[in-house]
Amino acid sequence: MSVRVRRIYEPPEPDDGLRVLVDRLWPRGVSKDAAHVDEWPKGITPSDELRRWYHAGERSYEEFRRRYEAELAAPEAAGLLDGLRKSAREGPVTLVTASRNLEQGHVSVLAKLLGK
């Protein structure tokens, strides 16, 4: 299973496979043509409430991760995750995001869950 994480501002690469935007909002300054996004499943992105809570100040990444995993356990999100897992078993999947912090954000949680 191959799951990669990249910033949407980086140019697409031939081995990206399925490119999945995992942000709730479309990234600023990127046209849809230039992004080369194949899927945009907003149902697996953090809720607005959780996103605002995490970015409001000094919040624990571990607490964010726990809350986000709880959101991802909801039926709609769980179904979307299962679909991405299936895609990752069939070929490479690249999660693209505008986030700067790839190690302590929602995209790292998604990548770990998809790798299971």
Protein backbone atom coordinates (compact mmCIF):
# COMPACT_ATOMS: atom_id res chain seq x y z
CA MET A 1 0.00 0.00 0.00
CA SER A 2 1.47 3.32 -1.04
CA VAL A 3 0.24 6.54 0.59
CA ARG A 4 2.23 9.73 0.13
CA VAL A 5 1.75 13.25 1.48
CA ARG A 6 2.59 16.36 -0.49
CA ARG A 7 1.78 20.04 -0.44
CA ILE A 8 -0.57 21.11 -3.18
CA TYR A 9 1.82 23.92 -4.10
CA GLU A 10 4.40 21.36 -5.29
CA PRO A 11 4.07 20.37 -8.95
CA PRO A 12 2.46 16.97 -9.56
CA GLU A 13 4.80 14.07 -10.21
CA PRO A 14 4.15 11.12 -12.54
CA ASP A 15 4.25 8.62 -9.65
CA ASP A 16 1.65 10.49 -7.53
CA GLY A 17 -1.09 8.13 -8.64
CA LEU A 18 -4.50 9.18 -7.33
CA ARG A 19 -4.24 12.74 -6.01
CA VAL A 20 -6.67 13.42 -3.17
CA LEU A 21 -7.18 16.90 -1.71
CA VAL A 22 -7.71 16.49 2.03
CA ASP A 23 -8.49 20.11 2.96
CA ARG A 24 -12.02 21.37 3.60
CA LEU A 25 -11.35 24.65 1.77
CA TRP A 26 -9.82 25.00 -1.68
CA PRO A 27 -6.19 26.20 -1.35
CA ARG A 28 -5.56 29.84 -2.16
CA GLY A 29 -3.67 30.67 -5.31
CA VAL A 30 -4.05 27.23 -6.94
CA SER A 31 -6.25 26.74 -9.96
CA LYS A 32 -8.18 23.52 -10.27
CA ASP A 33 -6.35 22.75 -13.51
CA ALA A 34 -2.91 23.25 -11.94
CA ALA A 35 -3.78 21.18 -8.85
CA HIS A 36 -4.43 17.96 -10.78
CA VAL A 37 -6.75 16.73 -8.01
CA ASP A 38 -8.63 13.52 -8.75
CA GLU A 39 -10.81 13.46 -5.62
CA TRP A 40 -11.86 15.93 -2.93
CA PRO A 41 -13.68 14.00 -0.19
CA LYS A 42 -14.62 16.80 2.22
CA GLY A 43 -16.20 14.22 4.55
CA ILE A 44 -12.77 13.11 5.78
CA THR A 45 -11.51 16.60 6.57
CA PRO A 46 -11.59 17.93 10.13
CA SER A 47 -14.80 19.72 11.06
CA ASP A 48 -14.70 23.51 11.12
CA GLU A 49 -15.07 23.39 14.90
CA LEU A 50 -12.11 21.05 15.35
CA ARG A 51 -9.96 22.96 12.88
CA ARG A 52 -10.68 26.27 14.63
CA TRP A 53 -10.06 24.72 18.05
CA TYR A 54 -6.66 23.36 16.99
CA HIS A 55 -5.52 26.59 15.35
CA ALA A 56 -6.79 28.85 18.14
CA GLY A 57 -3.55 28.67 20.09
CA GLU A 58 -1.44 26.28 22.06
CA ARG A 59 -3.37 23.05 21.56
CA SER A 60 -2.06 19.54 22.01
CA TYR A 61 -1.49 17.59 18.81
CA GLU A 62 -2.32 14.39 20.67
CA GLU A 63 -5.69 15.80 21.73
CA PHE A 64 -6.34 17.00 18.19
CA ARG A 65 -5.43 13.56 16.84
CA ARG A 66 -7.78 11.86 19.31
CA ARG A 67 -10.69 14.18 18.44
CA TYR A 68 -10.04 13.89 14.71
CA GLU A 69 -9.90 10.09 14.85
CA ALA A 70 -13.27 10.18 16.63
CA GLU A 71 -14.69 12.27 13.76
CA LEU A 72 -13.24 9.82 11.24
CA ALA A 73 -15.04 6.95 12.98
CA ALA A 74 -18.42 8.42 11.98
CA PRO A 75 -20.16 6.38 9.25
CA GLU A 76 -19.69 8.82 6.34
CA ALA A 77 -16.01 9.45 7.07
CA ALA A 78 -15.32 5.77 7.76
CA GLY A 79 -16.81 4.84 4.38
CA LEU A 80 -14.68 7.43 2.59
CA LEU A 81 -11.56 6.15 4.39
CA ASP A 82 -12.36 2.60 3.34
CA GLY A 83 -12.63 3.77 -0.26
CA LEU A 84 -9.22 5.45 -0.04
CA ARG A 85 -7.71 2.30 1.51
CA LYS A 86 -9.03 0.30 -1.43
CA SER A 87 -7.52 2.80 -3.85
CA ALA A 88 -4.18 2.62 -2.00
CA ARG A 89 -4.17 -1.17 -2.32
CA GLU A 90 -4.67 -0.80 -6.08
CA GLY A 91 -1.97 1.84 -6.66
CA PRO A 92 -0.29 4.92 -5.22
CA VAL A 93 -2.39 7.55 -3.46
CA THR A 94 -1.04 11.03 -2.76
CA LEU A 95 -2.78 13.11 -0.10
CA VAL A 96 -2.38 16.77 -1.03
CA THR A 97 -2.86 19.66 1.35
CA ALA A 98 -2.10 23.35 1.70
CA SER A 99 -0.99 22.81 5.31
CA ARG A 100 2.56 23.76 6.12
CA ASN A 101 2.92 21.37 9.06
CA LEU A 102 2.67 17.92 7.53
CA GLU A 103 3.87 16.11 10.65
CA GLN A 104 1.42 17.53 13.21
CA GLY A 105 -1.76 18.10 11.29
CA HIS A 106 -4.74 16.24 9.95
CA VAL A 107 -2.89 14.89 6.93
CA SER A 108 -0.47 12.90 9.12
CA VAL A 109 -3.44 11.35 10.97
CA LEU A 110 -5.05 10.38 7.66
CA ALA A 111 -1.84 8.92 6.27
CA LYS A 112 -1.34 6.76 9.37
CA LEU A 113 -4.94 5.53 9.32
CA LEU A 114 -4.74 4.71 5.62
CA GLY A 115 -1.52 2.80 6.17
CA LYS A 116 -3.20 0.42 8.63
